[in-house]
C-alpha atoms as a PDB file:
ATOM      1  CA  MET A   1      90.444 100.058 103.689  1.00  0.00           C
ATOM      2  CA  ALA A   2      93.582 102.649 103.230  1.00  0.00           C
ATOM      3  CA  ILE A   3      92.205 106.206 103.093  1.00  0.00           C
ATOM      4  CA  VAL A   4      94.304 108.170 100.162  1.00  0.00           C
ATOM      5  CA  GLU A   5      93.016 111.697  98.757  1.00  0.00           C
ATOM      6  CA  GLY A   6      89.589 110.969  99.860  1.00  0.00           C
ATOM      7  CA  ARG A   7      89.285 106.866  98.244  1.00  0.00           C
ATOM      8  CA  ASP A   8      89.584 103.930  99.996  1.00  0.00           C
ATOM      9  CA  TYR A   9      92.370 102.359  98.728  1.00  0.00           C
ATOM     10  CA  PRO A  10      92.501  98.157  99.473  1.00  0.00           C
ATOM     11  CA  GLU A  11      94.936  97.033 102.032  1.00  0.00           C
ATOM     12  CA  HIS A  12      95.835  93.928 100.528  1.00  0.00           C
ATOM     13  CA  PHE A  13      96.593  95.112  97.422  1.00  0.00           C
ATOM     14  CA  TYR A  14     100.790  95.816  97.024  1.00  0.00           C
ATOM     15  CA  TYR A  15     101.326  99.221  95.764  1.00  0.00           C
ATOM     16  CA  ASP A  16     104.166 100.415  93.569  1.00  0.00           C
ATOM     17  CA  VAL A  17     103.625 103.785  95.254  1.00  0.00           C
ATOM     18  CA  ASP A  18     106.205 105.822  92.834  1.00  0.00           C
ATOM     19  CA  ASN A  19     104.658 104.229  89.434  1.00  0.00           C
ATOM     20  CA  GLN A  20     101.175 104.309  90.707  1.00  0.00           C
ATOM     21  CA  ILE A  21     100.916 100.866  89.887  1.00  0.00           C
ATOM     22  CA  TRP A  22      98.893  97.934  92.296  1.00  0.00           C
ATOM     23  CA  TYR A  23      99.188  94.819  92.674  1.00  0.00           C
ATOM     24  CA  GLU A  24      96.296  92.127  93.758  1.00  0.00           C
ATOM     25  CA  PRO A  25      97.683  88.782  94.420  1.00  0.00           C
ATOM     26  CA  LEU A  26      95.617  86.046  93.137  1.00  0.00           C
ATOM     27  CA  GLY A  27      96.947  82.739  94.779  1.00  0.00           C
ATOM     28  CA  ASP A  28      98.097  80.925  92.082  1.00  0.00           C
ATOM     29  CA  GLY A  29     101.291  82.879  91.446  1.00  0.00           C
ATOM     30  CA  THR A  30      99.966  85.125  89.151  1.00  0.00           C
ATOM     31  CA  LEU A  31      99.227  88.983  90.143  1.00  0.00           C
ATOM     32  CA  LYS A  32      96.579  91.287  88.724  1.00  0.00           C
ATOM     33  CA  ALA A  33      97.929  95.357  88.133  1.00  0.00           C
ATOM     34  CA  GLY A  34      96.446  98.111  88.062  1.00  0.00           C
ATOM     35  CA  PHE A  35      96.681 101.740  88.381  1.00  0.00           C
ATOM     36  CA  THR A  36      95.581 103.811  90.849  1.00  0.00           C
ATOM     37  CA  PRO A  37      92.049 105.913  91.179  1.00  0.00           C
ATOM     38  CA  TRP A  38      94.841 108.995  91.958  1.00  0.00           C
ATOM     39  CA  ALA A  39      97.154 107.964  88.237  1.00  0.00           C
ATOM     40  CA  VAL A  40      94.329 107.583  86.803  1.00  0.00           C
ATOM     41  CA  ALA A  41      92.649 111.312  87.935  1.00  0.00           C
ATOM     42  CA  LEU A  42      96.076 112.979  86.864  1.00  0.00           C
ATOM     43  CA  MET A  43      95.841 111.317  83.355  1.00  0.00           C
ATOM     44  CA  GLY A  44      92.282 112.706  83.006  1.00  0.00           C
ATOM     45  CA  GLU A  45      89.906 110.759  80.858  1.00  0.00           C
ATOM     46  CA  VAL A  46      92.116 107.522  79.418  1.00  0.00           C
ATOM     47  CA  LEU A  47      91.834 107.111  75.956  1.00  0.00           C
ATOM     48  CA  VAL A  48      92.963 104.283  75.022  1.00  0.00           C
ATOM     49  CA  PHE A  49      95.510 101.071  76.708  1.00  0.00           C
ATOM     50  CA  THR A  50      97.820  99.088  74.688  1.00  0.00           C
ATOM     51  CA  PRO A  51      99.139  96.395  77.205  1.00  0.00           C
ATOM     52  CA  LYS A  52     102.521  94.546  76.335  1.00  0.00           C
ATOM     53  CA  ARG A  53     101.025  91.220  74.282  1.00  0.00           C
ATOM     54  CA  ILE A  54     100.433  87.866  75.980  1.00  0.00           C
ATOM     55  CA  GLY A  55     103.508  85.738  76.725  1.00  0.00           C
ATOM     56  CA  ARG A  56     106.497  88.843  76.538  1.00  0.00           C
ATOM     57  CA  ASP A  57     108.321  89.724  79.430  1.00  0.00           C
ATOM     58  CA  PHE A  58     108.587  93.101  81.036  1.00  0.00           C
ATOM     59  CA  GLU A  59     111.615  93.956  82.768  1.00  0.00           C
ATOM     60  CA  ARG A  60     111.737  96.359  86.292  1.00  0.00           C
ATOM     61  CA  GLY A  61     110.971  99.841  85.431  1.00  0.00           C
ATOM     62  CA  ARG A  62     109.937  99.413  81.924  1.00  0.00           C
ATOM     63  CA  GLY A  63     106.851  99.785  80.515  1.00  0.00           C
ATOM     64  CA  PHE A  64     104.387  97.223  79.913  1.00  0.00           C
ATOM     65  CA  ALA A  65     101.224  99.452  78.740  1.00  0.00           C
ATOM     66  CA  VAL A  66     100.871 101.974  77.684  1.00  0.00           C
ATOM     67  CA  LEU A  67      97.727 104.307  77.912  1.00  0.00           C
ATOM     68  CA  GLU A  68      96.381 107.106  76.751  1.00  0.00           C
ATOM     69  CA  GLY A  69      94.498 109.648  78.811  1.00  0.00           C
ATOM     70  CA  GLY A  70      93.340 113.156  77.706  1.00  0.00           C
ATOM     71  CA  LYS A  71      96.268 114.821  79.940  1.00  0.00           C
ATOM     72  CA  TRP A  72      99.091 112.083  79.415  1.00  0.00           C
ATOM     73  CA  VAL A  73     100.511 109.567  77.642  1.00  0.00           C
ATOM     74  CA  GLY A  74     103.187 107.043  78.746  1.00  0.00           C
ATOM     75  CA  SER A  75     103.472 103.992  80.100  1.00  0.00           C
ATOM     76  CA  ALA A  76     102.618 102.049  82.628  1.00  0.00           C
ATOM     77  CA  ARG A  77     106.064 101.068  84.387  1.00  0.00           C
ATOM     78  CA  ALA A  78     106.854  97.640  85.871  1.00  0.00           C
ATOM     79  CA  ALA A  79     107.680  96.864  89.745  1.00  0.00           C
ATOM     80  CA  PHE A  80     110.007  93.755  88.805  1.00  0.00           C
ATOM     81  CA  ASP A  81     110.842  91.137  86.092  1.00  0.00           C
ATOM     82  CA  GLY A  82     107.848  89.567  84.486  1.00  0.00           C
ATOM     83  CA  VAL A  83     105.836  88.083  81.720  1.00  0.00           C
ATOM     84  CA  VAL A  84     102.019  88.750  80.722  1.00  0.00           C
ATOM     85  CA  ILE A  85      99.992  86.236  81.329  1.00  0.00           C
ATOM     86  CA  ALA A  86      96.468  88.392  80.224  1.00  0.00           C
ATOM     87  CA  HIS A  87      95.135  91.694  79.222  1.00  0.00           C
ATOM     88  CA  ASN A  88      91.588  92.852  80.169  1.00  0.00           C
ATOM     89  CA  GLU A  89      89.652  92.833  76.737  1.00  0.00           C
ATOM     90  CA  ALA A  90      86.978  95.011  78.134  1.00  0.00           C
ATOM     91  CA  LEU A  91      89.340  97.626  78.919  1.00  0.00           C
ATOM     92  CA  ILE A  92      90.877  96.935  75.981  1.00  0.00           C
ATOM     93  CA  GLY A  93      87.451  98.240  73.857  1.00  0.00           C
ATOM     94  CA  ASN A  94      86.061 100.300  76.578  1.00  0.00           C
ATOM     95  CA  PRO A  95      89.043 102.172  78.684  1.00  0.00           C
ATOM     96  CA  GLY A  96      86.470 104.572  80.580  1.00  0.00           C
ATOM     97  CA  LEU A  97      86.814 101.396  82.658  1.00  0.00           C
ATOM     98  CA  MET A  98      89.272 102.241  83.914  1.00  0.00           C
ATOM     99  CA  ASP A  99      88.603 105.820  84.786  1.00  0.00           C
ATOM    100  CA  ALA A 100      84.615 104.563  86.457  1.00  0.00           C
ATOM    101  CA  ASP A 101      86.234 101.272  88.730  1.00  0.00           C
ATOM    102  CA  ALA A 102      90.350 101.800  88.853  1.00  0.00           C
ATOM    103  CA  PHE A 103      90.543  98.515  91.181  1.00  0.00           C
ATOM    104  CA  GLY A 104      87.855  96.824  90.098  1.00  0.00           C
ATOM    105  CA  GLN A 105      86.614  96.476  86.091  1.00  0.00           C
ATOM    106  CA  GLY A 106      89.453  98.539  84.710  1.00  0.00           C
ATOM    107  CA  TRP A 107      92.362  96.455  86.084  1.00  0.00           C
ATOM    108  CA  MET A 108      95.076  96.220  83.067  1.00  0.00           C
ATOM    109  CA  MET A 109      96.237  93.011  82.926  1.00  0.00           C
ATOM    110  CA  VAL A 110      97.356  89.471  85.169  1.00  0.00           C
ATOM    111  CA  VAL A 111     101.459  89.533  85.271  1.00  0.00           C
ATOM    112  CA  ARG A 112     103.698  86.656  86.736  1.00  0.00           C
ATOM    113  CA  ALA A 113     106.344  87.893  88.369  1.00  0.00           C
ATOM    114  CA  ALA A 114     109.704  86.399  87.164  1.00  0.00           C
ATOM    115  CA  GLY A 115     111.391  85.732  91.296  1.00  0.00           C
ATOM    116  CA  ASP A 116     109.855  85.474  94.284  1.00  0.00           C
ATOM    117  CA  ASP A 117     111.038  88.830  95.255  1.00  0.00           C
ATOM    118  CA  TRP A 118     108.618  91.068  93.570  1.00  0.00           C
ATOM    119  CA  ARG A 119     107.405  92.818  96.667  1.00  0.00           C
ATOM    120  CA  ALA A 120     110.511  94.668  97.559  1.00  0.00           C
ATOM    121  CA  GLY A 121     109.756  98.127  97.206  1.00  0.00           C
ATOM    122  CA  LEU A 122     106.260  97.705  97.422  1.00  0.00           C
ATOM    123  CA  VAL A 123     104.190  98.933 100.447  1.00  0.00           C
ATOM    124  CA  THR A 124     100.984  96.838 101.363  1.00  0.00           C
ATOM    125  CA  GLY A 125      98.956  97.243 104.477  1.00  0.00           C
ATOM    126  CA  SER A 126      98.329  99.918 107.510  1.00  0.00           C
ATOM    127  CA  ASP A 127     101.524 101.526 106.053  1.00  0.00           C
ATOM    128  CA  VAL A 128      99.674 102.005 102.515  1.00  0.00           C
ATOM    129  CA  ALA A 129      98.325 105.675 103.589  1.00  0.00           C
ATOM    130  CA  ASP A 130     100.925 106.750 105.002  1.00  0.00           C
ATOM    131  CA  ALA A 131     103.665 105.885 102.389  1.00  0.00           C
ATOM    132  CA  PHE A 132     100.933 107.732  99.912  1.00  0.00           C
ATOM    133  CA  ALA A 133     100.640 110.743 102.161  1.00  0.00           C
ATOM    134  CA  ALA A 134     104.622 110.890 102.216  1.00  0.00           C
ATOM    135  CA  TRP A 135     104.021 110.955  98.698  1.00  0.00           C
ATOM    136  CA  LEU A 136     102.393 113.415  98.004  1.00  0.00           C
ATOM    137  CA  GLY A 137     103.548 115.916  99.854  1.00  0.00           C
ATOM    138  CA  SER A 138     107.566 115.755  98.204  1.00  0.00           C
ATOM    139  CA  ASN A 139     107.029 116.194  94.244  1.00  0.00           C
ATOM    140  CA  ALA A 140     104.198 114.488  93.112  1.00  0.00           C
ATOM    141  CA  PRO A 141     102.118 115.984  89.953  1.00  0.00           C
ATOM    142  CA  GLN A 142      98.398 117.294  91.226  1.00  0.00           C
ATOM    143  CA  PRO A 143      95.797 115.973  89.780  1.00  0.00           C
END
């Protein structure tokens, strides 16, 4: 595990540091996606989670879900082109799951990348802590 801001971040996940999204390869060509605990803390209490519909395509840098929190409303932006395979129905009904367990029960959706290059620009493994530290030391907003 990598330690970021006092929290464990799984090193087998792939992180879009700029957009604070994590991706977990599921072994069948799909990826589970969610917001990092840091992003959830910045957002405040998560009040609404609205994912893009199942079967819909999404583009790199564009929103594939909308979230409303006590301090922030905005889009979760994708790190690559792909399609939504499934979303977390429990999170739709209880957005607070993201506050309680961002890497577990608070996952947002399952996606399939459009190409094999989906890892480009993402950080994983032992580089996670250093990448987050550099990002947080730059212009990153603070919770």
